[in-house]
Amino acid sequence: MLEQIGVSLFGVGVAGTIHLLNLLHSARASVYYIVERDLARAMDIVQKCHLRDTTVVSVDDTTRAKFSMMTGDLRIFPVLQCDFTSTL
């Protein structure tokens, strides 16, 4: 059996949402953290995708302690940072 992969996802804009949907189709992936500026959007996505084990963290709250919590979480393997898809 393949090992489970825990993920922290930074950003759920256009690109981040595409990455999230791809992760949700993988039986091996679990999204444990979403870091997002628009908390209402992130919480809406968590609810619609039934992400019971996912913690939403505000971009403004990514203090050293919260970042250490995420990076120190042994369930997390990759970190996906999803930047803007437009250069406008």
PDB file of N, CA and C in Angstrom:
ATOM      1  N   MET A   1       0.842  -1.190   0.000  1.00  0.00           N
ATOM      2  CA  MET A   1       0.000   0.000   0.000  1.00  0.00           C
ATOM      3  C   MET A   1       0.884   1.249   0.000  1.00  0.00           C
ATOM      4  N   LEU A   2       0.486   2.262  -0.766  1.00  0.00           N
ATOM      5  CA  LEU A   2       1.243   3.494  -0.866  1.00  0.00           C
ATOM      6  C   LEU A   2       1.015   4.368   0.360  1.00  0.00           C
ATOM      7  N   GLU A   3       2.048   5.121   0.706  1.00  0.00           N
ATOM      8  CA  GLU A   3       2.002   5.990   1.875  1.00  0.00           C
ATOM      9  C   GLU A   3       1.087   7.195   1.641  1.00  0.00           C
ATOM     10  N   GLN A   4       0.366   7.594   2.684  1.00  0.00           N
ATOM     11  CA  GLN A   4      -0.489   8.771   2.627  1.00  0.00           C
ATOM     12  C   GLN A   4       0.376  10.025   2.627  1.00  0.00           C
ATOM     13  N   ILE A   5      -0.035  11.042   1.863  1.00  0.00           N
ATOM     14  CA  ILE A   5       0.710  12.298   1.761  1.00  0.00           C
ATOM     15  C   ILE A   5      -0.150  13.424   2.314  1.00  0.00           C
ATOM     16  N   GLY A   6       0.363  14.137   3.309  1.00  0.00           N
ATOM     17  CA  GLY A   6      -0.332  15.290   3.873  1.00  0.00           C
ATOM     18  C   GLY A   6       0.152  16.561   3.202  1.00  0.00           C
ATOM     19  N   VAL A   7      -0.763  17.498   2.949  1.00  0.00           N
ATOM     20  CA  VAL A   7      -0.448  18.693   2.181  1.00  0.00           C
ATOM     21  C   VAL A   7      -0.901  19.951   2.914  1.00  0.00           C
ATOM     22  N   SER A   8      -0.067  21.007   2.827  1.00  0.00           N
ATOM     23  CA  SER A   8      -0.459  22.369   3.181  1.00  0.00           C
ATOM     24  C   SER A   8      -0.598  23.120   1.868  1.00  0.00           C
ATOM     25  N   LEU A   9      -1.722  23.765   1.663  1.00  0.00           N
ATOM     26  CA  LEU A   9      -1.975  24.483   0.417  1.00  0.00           C
ATOM     27  C   LEU A   9      -2.039  25.973   0.708  1.00  0.00           C
ATOM     28  N   PHE A  10      -1.150  26.731   0.088  1.00  0.00           N
ATOM     29  CA  PHE A  10      -1.114  28.178   0.263  1.00  0.00           C
ATOM     30  C   PHE A  10      -1.835  28.826  -0.913  1.00  0.00           C
ATOM     31  N   GLY A  11      -3.048  29.273  -0.679  1.00  0.00           N
ATOM     32  CA  GLY A  11      -3.812  29.956  -1.708  1.00  0.00           C
ATOM     33  C   GLY A  11      -4.837  29.068  -2.383  1.00  0.00           C
ATOM     34  N   VAL A  12      -6.097  29.529  -2.413  1.00  0.00           N
ATOM     35  CA  VAL A  12      -7.152  28.818  -3.126  1.00  0.00           C
ATOM     36  C   VAL A  12      -7.845  29.766  -4.097  1.00  0.00           C
ATOM     37  N   GLY A  13      -7.000  30.439  -4.881  1.00  0.00           N
ATOM     38  CA  GLY A  13      -7.526  31.225  -5.995  1.00  0.00           C
ATOM     39  C   GLY A  13      -7.770  30.269  -7.152  1.00  0.00           C
ATOM     40  N   VAL A  14      -7.571  30.732  -8.361  1.00  0.00           N
ATOM     41  CA  VAL A  14      -7.819  29.899  -9.534  1.00  0.00           C
ATOM     42  C   VAL A  14      -6.878  28.697  -9.551  1.00  0.00           C
ATOM     43  N   ALA A  15      -5.578  28.957  -9.491  1.00  0.00           N
ATOM     44  CA  ALA A  15      -4.601  27.862  -9.551  1.00  0.00           C
ATOM     45  C   ALA A  15      -4.712  26.954  -8.328  1.00  0.00           C
ATOM     46  N   GLY A  16      -4.866  27.559  -7.151  1.00  0.00           N
ATOM     47  CA  GLY A  16      -4.957  26.768  -5.926  1.00  0.00           C
ATOM     48  C   GLY A  16      -6.167  25.854  -5.913  1.00  0.00           C
ATOM     49  N   THR A  17      -7.273  26.331  -6.442  1.00  0.00           N
ATOM     50  CA  THR A  17      -8.477  25.513  -6.500  1.00  0.00           C
ATOM     51  C   THR A  17      -8.285  24.340  -7.460  1.00  0.00           C
ATOM     52  N   ILE A  18      -7.603  24.592  -8.571  1.00  0.00           N
ATOM     53  CA  ILE A  18      -7.299  23.503  -9.509  1.00  0.00           C
ATOM     54  C   ILE A  18      -6.422  22.456  -8.829  1.00  0.00           C
ATOM     55  N   HIS A  19      -5.388  22.923  -8.129  1.00  0.00           N
ATOM     56  CA  HIS A  19      -4.525  21.982  -7.400  1.00  0.00           C
ATOM     57  C   HIS A  19      -5.321  21.221  -6.343  1.00  0.00           C
ATOM     58  N   LEU A  20      -6.185  21.925  -5.621  1.00  0.00           N
ATOM     59  CA  LEU A  20      -6.994  21.281  -4.589  1.00  0.00           C
ATOM     60  C   LEU A  20      -7.865  20.182  -5.184  1.00  0.00           C
ATOM     61  N   LEU A  21      -8.531  20.471  -6.288  1.00  0.00           N
ATOM     62  CA  LEU A  21      -9.387  19.469  -6.918  1.00  0.00           C
ATOM     63  C   LEU A  21      -8.590  18.252  -7.365  1.00  0.00           C
ATOM     64  N   ASN A  22      -7.391  18.477  -7.871  1.00  0.00           N
ATOM     65  CA  ASN A  22      -6.530  17.350  -8.242  1.00  0.00           C
ATOM     66  C   ASN A  22      -6.133  16.537  -7.011  1.00  0.00           C
ATOM     67  N   LEU A  23      -5.823  17.221  -5.914  1.00  0.00           N
ATOM     68  CA  LEU A  23      -5.461  16.521  -4.681  1.00  0.00           C
ATOM     69  C   LEU A  23      -6.631  15.697  -4.152  1.00  0.00           C
ATOM     70  N   LEU A  24      -7.841  16.236  -4.266  1.00  0.00           N
ATOM     71  CA  LEU A  24      -9.018  15.530  -3.764  1.00  0.00           C
ATOM     72  C   LEU A  24      -9.306  14.258  -4.551  1.00  0.00           C
ATOM     73  N   HIS A  25      -8.825  14.186  -5.775  1.00  0.00           N
ATOM     74  CA  HIS A  25      -9.014  12.987  -6.593  1.00  0.00           C
ATOM     75  C   HIS A  25      -7.973  11.907  -6.290  1.00  0.00           C
ATOM     76  N   SER A  26      -6.994  12.240  -5.485  1.00  0.00           N
ATOM     77  CA  SER A  26      -5.960  11.275  -5.124  1.00  0.00           C
ATOM     78  C   SER A  26      -6.321  10.607  -3.798  1.00  0.00           C
ATOM     79  N   ALA A  27      -6.347   9.307  -3.802  1.00  0.00           N
ATOM     80  CA  ALA A  27      -6.639   8.566  -2.568  1.00  0.00           C
ATOM     81  C   ALA A  27      -5.505   8.708  -1.557  1.00  0.00           C
ATOM     82  N   ARG A  28      -4.335   9.093  -2.027  1.00  0.00           N
ATOM     83  CA  ARG A  28      -3.169   9.210  -1.139  1.00  0.00           C
ATOM     84  C   ARG A  28      -3.056  10.566  -0.464  1.00  0.00           C
ATOM     85  N   ALA A  29      -3.697  11.601  -0.983  1.00  0.00           N
ATOM     86  CA  ALA A  29      -3.494  12.972  -0.501  1.00  0.00           C
ATOM     87  C   ALA A  29      -4.549  13.386   0.513  1.00  0.00           C
ATOM     88  N   SER A  30      -4.092  14.075   1.550  1.00  0.00           N
ATOM     89  CA  SER A  30      -4.971  14.708   2.533  1.00  0.00           C
ATOM     90  C   SER A  30      -4.515  16.145   2.708  1.00  0.00           C
ATOM     91  N   VAL A  31      -5.440  17.088   2.570  1.00  0.00           N
ATOM     92  CA  VAL A  31      -5.117  18.501   2.739  1.00  0.00           C
ATOM     93  C   VAL A  31      -5.395  18.864   4.196  1.00  0.00           C
ATOM     94  N   TYR A  32      -4.333  19.138   4.942  1.00  0.00           N
ATOM     95  CA  TYR A  32      -4.480  19.428   6.367  1.00  0.00           C
ATOM     96  C   TYR A  32      -4.539  20.918   6.678  1.00  0.00           C
ATOM     97  N   TYR A  33      -3.949  21.750   5.819  1.00  0.00           N
ATOM     98  CA  TYR A  33      -3.959  23.194   6.044  1.00  0.00           C
ATOM     99  C   TYR A  33      -4.223  23.914   4.729  1.00  0.00           C
ATOM    100  N   ILE A  34      -5.047  24.960   4.798  1.00  0.00           N
ATOM    101  CA  ILE A  34      -5.209  25.906   3.697  1.00  0.00           C
ATOM    102  C   ILE A  34      -4.903  27.277   4.269  1.00  0.00           C
ATOM    103  N   VAL A  35      -3.934  27.958   3.666  1.00  0.00           N
ATOM    104  CA  VAL A  35      -3.580  29.319   4.061  1.00  0.00           C
ATOM    105  C   VAL A  35      -4.135  30.244   2.984  1.00  0.00           C
ATOM    106  N   GLU A  36      -4.984  31.179   3.397  1.00  0.00           N
ATOM    107  CA  GLU A  36      -5.686  32.011   2.420  1.00  0.00           C
ATOM    108  C   GLU A  36      -5.988  33.381   3.010  1.00  0.00           C
ATOM    109  N   ARG A  37      -5.936  34.405   2.174  1.00  0.00           N
ATOM    110  CA  ARG A  37      -6.269  35.767   2.602  1.00  0.00           C
ATOM    111  C   ARG A  37      -7.787  35.913   2.791  1.00  0.00           C
ATOM    112  N   ASP A  38      -8.566  35.331   1.883  1.00  0.00           N
ATOM    113  CA  ASP A  38     -10.028  35.423   1.929  1.00  0.00           C
ATOM    114  C   ASP A  38     -10.569  34.233   2.722  1.00  0.00           C
ATOM    115  N   LEU A  39     -10.728  34.428   4.024  1.00  0.00           N
ATOM    116  CA  LEU A  39     -11.153  33.325   4.902  1.00  0.00           C
ATOM    117  C   LEU A  39     -12.539  32.803   4.553  1.00  0.00           C
ATOM    118  N   ALA A  40     -13.450  33.678   4.148  1.00  0.00           N
ATOM    119  CA  ALA A  40     -14.796  33.230   3.792  1.00  0.00           C
ATOM    120  C   ALA A  40     -14.727  32.279   2.604  1.00  0.00           C
ATOM    121  N   ARG A  41     -13.904  32.595   1.621  1.00  0.00           N
ATOM    122  CA  ARG A  41     -13.731  31.726   0.457  1.00  0.00           C
ATOM    123  C   ARG A  41     -13.154  30.376   0.876  1.00  0.00           C
ATOM    124  N   ALA A  42     -12.118  30.425   1.701  1.00  0.00           N
ATOM    125  CA  ALA A  42     -11.476  29.181   2.146  1.00  0.00           C
ATOM    126  C   ALA A  42     -12.448  28.319   2.944  1.00  0.00           C
ATOM    127  N   MET A  43     -13.203  28.928   3.841  1.00  0.00           N
ATOM    128  CA  MET A  43     -14.154  28.159   4.654  1.00  0.00           C
ATOM    129  C   MET A  43     -15.262  27.575   3.776  1.00  0.00           C
ATOM    130  N   ASP A  44     -15.685  28.321   2.753  1.00  0.00           N
ATOM    131  CA  ASP A  44     -16.698  27.836   1.826  1.00  0.00           C
ATOM    132  C   ASP A  44     -16.183  26.605   1.074  1.00  0.00           C
ATOM    133  N   ILE A  45     -14.942  26.648   0.637  1.00  0.00           N
ATOM    134  CA  ILE A  45     -14.333  25.519  -0.064  1.00  0.00           C
ATOM    135  C   ILE A  45     -14.211  24.317   0.867  1.00  0.00           C
ATOM    136  N   VAL A  46     -13.782  24.553   2.096  1.00  0.00           N
ATOM    137  CA  VAL A  46     -13.657  23.466   3.076  1.00  0.00           C
ATOM    138  C   VAL A  46     -15.010  22.792   3.300  1.00  0.00           C
ATOM    139  N   GLN A  47     -16.053  23.606   3.421  1.00  0.00           N
ATOM    140  CA  GLN A  47     -17.393  23.056   3.652  1.00  0.00           C
ATOM    141  C   GLN A  47     -17.890  22.294   2.420  1.00  0.00           C
ATOM    142  N   LYS A  48     -17.771  22.884   1.236  1.00  0.00           N
ATOM    143  CA  LYS A  48     -18.279  22.251   0.020  1.00  0.00           C
ATOM    144  C   LYS A  48     -17.534  20.962  -0.324  1.00  0.00           C
ATOM    145  N   CYS A  49     -16.244  20.916   0.023  1.00  0.00           N
ATOM    146  CA  CYS A  49     -15.441  19.726  -0.298  1.00  0.00           C
ATOM    147  C   CYS A  49     -15.393  18.727   0.853  1.00  0.00           C
ATOM    148  N   HIS A  50     -16.104  19.033   1.946  1.00  0.00           N
ATOM    149  CA  HIS A  50     -16.168  18.146   3.114  1.00  0.00           C
ATOM    150  C   HIS A  50     -14.774  17.823   3.653  1.00  0.00           C
ATOM    151  N   LEU A  51     -13.970  18.864   3.844  1.00  0.00           N
ATOM    152  CA  LEU A  51     -12.599  18.697   4.340  1.00  0.00           C
ATOM    153  C   LEU A  51     -12.595  18.796   5.863  1.00  0.00           C
ATOM    154  N   ARG A  52     -13.021  17.736   6.511  1.00  0.00           N
ATOM    155  CA  ARG A  52     -13.167  17.731   7.971  1.00  0.00           C
ATOM    156  C   ARG A  52     -11.842  17.869   8.717  1.00  0.00           C
ATOM    157  N   ASP A  53     -10.759  17.403   8.140  1.00  0.00           N
ATOM    158  CA  ASP A  53      -9.457  17.441   8.816  1.00  0.00           C
ATOM    159  C   ASP A  53      -8.612  18.644   8.409  1.00  0.00           C
ATOM    160  N   THR A  54      -9.208  19.603   7.708  1.00  0.00           N
ATOM    161  CA  THR A  54      -8.457  20.749   7.196  1.00  0.00           C
ATOM    162  C   THR A  54      -8.624  21.954   8.103  1.00  0.00           C
ATOM    163  N   THR A  55      -7.490  22.573   8.446  1.00  0.00           N
ATOM    164  CA  THR A  55      -7.469  23.806   9.230  1.00  0.00           C
ATOM    165  C   THR A  55      -7.219  24.968   8.296  1.00  0.00           C
ATOM    166  N   VAL A  56      -8.060  26.003   8.382  1.00  0.00           N
ATOM    167  CA  VAL A  56      -7.873  27.212   7.578  1.00  0.00           C
ATOM    168  C   VAL A  56      -7.086  28.216   8.406  1.00  0.00           C
ATOM    169  N   VAL A  57      -6.042  28.753   7.789  1.00  0.00           N
ATOM    170  CA  VAL A  57      -5.184  29.734   8.452  1.00  0.00           C
ATOM    171  C   VAL A  57      -5.180  31.000   7.606  1.00  0.00           C
ATOM    172  N   SER A  58      -5.411  32.132   8.238  1.00  0.00           N
ATOM    173  CA  SER A  58      -5.382  33.415   7.543  1.00  0.00           C
ATOM    174  C   SER A  58      -3.950  33.763   7.164  1.00  0.00           C
ATOM    175  N   VAL A  59      -3.782  34.384   6.005  1.00  0.00           N
ATOM    176  CA  VAL A  59      -2.455  34.856   5.594  1.00  0.00           C
ATOM    177  C   VAL A  59      -1.904  35.790   6.662  1.00  0.00           C
ATOM    178  N   ASP A  60      -2.784  36.602   7.239  1.00  0.00           N
ATOM    179  CA  ASP A  60      -2.363  37.562   8.263  1.00  0.00           C
ATOM    180  C   ASP A  60      -1.965  36.871   9.560  1.00  0.00           C
ATOM    181  N   ASP A  61      -2.408  35.629   9.758  1.00  0.00           N
ATOM    182  CA  ASP A  61      -2.096  34.888  10.980  1.00  0.00           C
ATOM    183  C   ASP A  61      -0.928  33.931  10.810  1.00  0.00           C
ATOM    184  N   THR A  62      -0.226  34.020   9.699  1.00  0.00           N
ATOM    185  CA  THR A  62       0.900  33.106   9.506  1.00  0.00           C
ATOM    186  C   THR A  62       2.101  33.614  10.282  1.00  0.00           C
ATOM    187  N   THR A  63       1.874  33.748  11.567  1.00  0.00           N
ATOM    188  CA  THR A  63       2.939  34.151  12.459  1.00  0.00           C
ATOM    189  C   THR A  63       3.937  33.003  12.573  1.00  0.00           C
ATOM    190  N   ARG A  64       5.051  33.283  13.165  1.00  0.00           N
ATOM    191  CA  ARG A  64       6.075  32.249  13.324  1.00  0.00           C
ATOM    192  C   ARG A  64       5.523  31.011  14.019  1.00  0.00           C
ATOM    193  N   ALA A  65       4.664  31.207  15.019  1.00  0.00           N
ATOM    194  CA  ALA A  65       4.113  30.065  15.758  1.00  0.00           C
ATOM    195  C   ALA A  65       3.216  29.210  14.863  1.00  0.00           C
ATOM    196  N   LYS A  66       2.339  29.857  14.100  1.00  0.00           N
ATOM    197  CA  LYS A  66       1.440  29.088  13.235  1.00  0.00           C
ATOM    198  C   LYS A  66       2.208  28.435  12.096  1.00  0.00           C
ATOM    199  N   PHE A  67       3.200  29.132  11.541  1.00  0.00           N
ATOM    200  CA  PHE A  67       3.993  28.537  10.473  1.00  0.00           C
ATOM    201  C   PHE A  67       4.782  27.353  11.019  1.00  0.00           C
ATOM    202  N   SER A  68       5.299  27.475  12.215  1.00  0.00           N
ATOM    203  CA  SER A  68       6.018  26.364  12.846  1.00  0.00           C
ATOM    204  C   SER A  68       5.086  25.182  13.084  1.00  0.00           C
ATOM    205  N   MET A  69       3.830  25.473  13.455  1.00  0.00           N
ATOM    206  CA  MET A  69       2.854  24.410  13.664  1.00  0.00           C
ATOM    207  C   MET A  69       2.671  23.623  12.369  1.00  0.00           C
ATOM    208  N   MET A  70       2.543  24.331  11.242  1.00  0.00           N
ATOM    209  CA  MET A  70       2.332  23.657   9.962  1.00  0.00           C
ATOM    210  C   MET A  70       3.583  22.914   9.506  1.00  0.00           C
ATOM    211  N   THR A  71       4.735  23.567   9.592  1.00  0.00           N
ATOM    212  CA  THR A  71       5.953  22.926   9.108  1.00  0.00           C
ATOM    213  C   THR A  71       6.423  21.832  10.049  1.00  0.00           C
ATOM    214  N   GLY A  72       6.017  21.902  11.304  1.00  0.00           N
ATOM    215  CA  GLY A  72       6.396  20.874  12.264  1.00  0.00           C
ATOM    216  C   GLY A  72       5.432  19.702  12.301  1.00  0.00           C
ATOM    217  N   ASP A  73       4.327  19.814  11.580  1.00  0.00           N
ATOM    218  CA  ASP A  73       3.321  18.757  11.541  1.00  0.00           C
ATOM    219  C   ASP A  73       3.866  17.597  10.718  1.00  0.00           C
ATOM    220  N   LEU A  74       4.098  16.483  11.344  1.00  0.00           N
ATOM    221  CA  LEU A  74       4.718  15.340  10.685  1.00  0.00           C
ATOM    222  C   LEU A  74       3.837  14.691   9.622  1.00  0.00           C
ATOM    223  N   ARG A  75       2.557  15.083   9.578  1.00  0.00           N
ATOM    224  CA  ARG A  75       1.672  14.556   8.529  1.00  0.00           C
ATOM    225  C   ARG A  75       1.915  15.236   7.186  1.00  0.00           C
ATOM    226  N   ILE A  76       2.553  16.408   7.219  1.00  0.00           N
ATOM    227  CA  ILE A  76       2.723  17.228   6.019  1.00  0.00           C
ATOM    228  C   ILE A  76       3.991  16.832   5.284  1.00  0.00           C
ATOM    229  N   PHE A  77       3.850  16.612   3.977  1.00  0.00           N
ATOM    230  CA  PHE A  77       5.027  16.327   3.161  1.00  0.00           C
ATOM    231  C   PHE A  77       5.278  17.474   2.189  1.00  0.00           C
ATOM    232  N   PRO A  78       4.467  17.657   1.158  1.00  0.00           N
ATOM    233  CA  PRO A  78       4.734  18.795   0.275  1.00  0.00           C
ATOM    234  C   PRO A  78       3.985  20.032   0.721  1.00  0.00           C
ATOM    235  N   VAL A  79       4.458  21.174   0.277  1.00  0.00           N
ATOM    236  CA  VAL A  79       3.752  22.431   0.451  1.00  0.00           C
ATOM    237  C   VAL A  79       3.544  23.003  -0.940  1.00  0.00           C
ATOM    238  N   LEU A  80       2.306  23.318  -1.296  1.00  0.00           N
ATOM    239  CA  LEU A  80       2.008  23.926  -2.586  1.00  0.00           C
ATOM    240  C   LEU A  80       1.702  25.388  -2.363  1.00  0.00           C
ATOM    241  N   GLN A  81       2.463  26.270  -2.997  1.00  0.00           N
ATOM    242  CA  GLN A  81       2.170  27.681  -2.944  1.00  0.00           C
ATOM    243  C   GLN A  81       1.599  28.072  -4.286  1.00  0.00           C
ATOM    244  N   CYS A  82       0.390  28.574  -4.295  1.00  0.00           N
ATOM    245  CA  CYS A  82      -0.308  28.881  -5.542  1.00  0.00           C
ATOM    246  C   CYS A  82      -0.412  30.383  -5.685  1.00  0.00           C
ATOM    247  N   ASP A  83       0.426  30.942  -6.537  1.00  0.00           N
ATOM    248  CA  ASP A  83       0.456  32.392  -6.754  1.00  0.00           C
ATOM    249  C   ASP A  83      -0.580  32.812  -7.777  1.00  0.00           C
ATOM    250  N   PHE A  84      -0.650  34.108  -7.991  1.00  0.00           N
ATOM    251  CA  PHE A  84      -1.577  34.659  -8.973  1.00  0.00           C
ATOM    252  C   PHE A  84      -1.299  34.090 -10.359  1.00  0.00           C
ATOM    253  N   THR A  85      -2.362  33.876 -11.119  1.00  0.00           N
ATOM    254  CA  THR A  85      -2.214  33.374 -12.483  1.00  0.00           C
ATOM    255  C   THR A  85      -2.182  34.516 -13.486  1.00  0.00           C
ATOM    256  N   SER A  86      -2.345  35.736 -13.019  1.00  0.00           N
ATOM    257  CA  SER A  86      -2.332  36.905 -13.886  1.00  0.00           C
ATOM    258  C   SER A  86      -1.212  37.830 -13.446  1.00  0.00           C
ATOM    259  N   THR A  87      -0.642  38.534 -14.378  1.00  0.00           N
ATOM    260  CA  THR A  87       0.419  39.497 -14.045  1.00  0.00           C
ATOM    261  C   THR A  87      -0.100  40.927 -14.067  1.00  0.00           C
ATOM    262  N   LEU A  88      -1.409  41.092 -14.089  1.00  0.00           N
ATOM    263  CA  LEU A  88      -2.009  42.446 -14.121  1.00  0.00           C
ATOM    264  C   LEU A  88      -1.798  43.169 -12.832  1.00  0.00           C
TER     265      LEU A  88
END
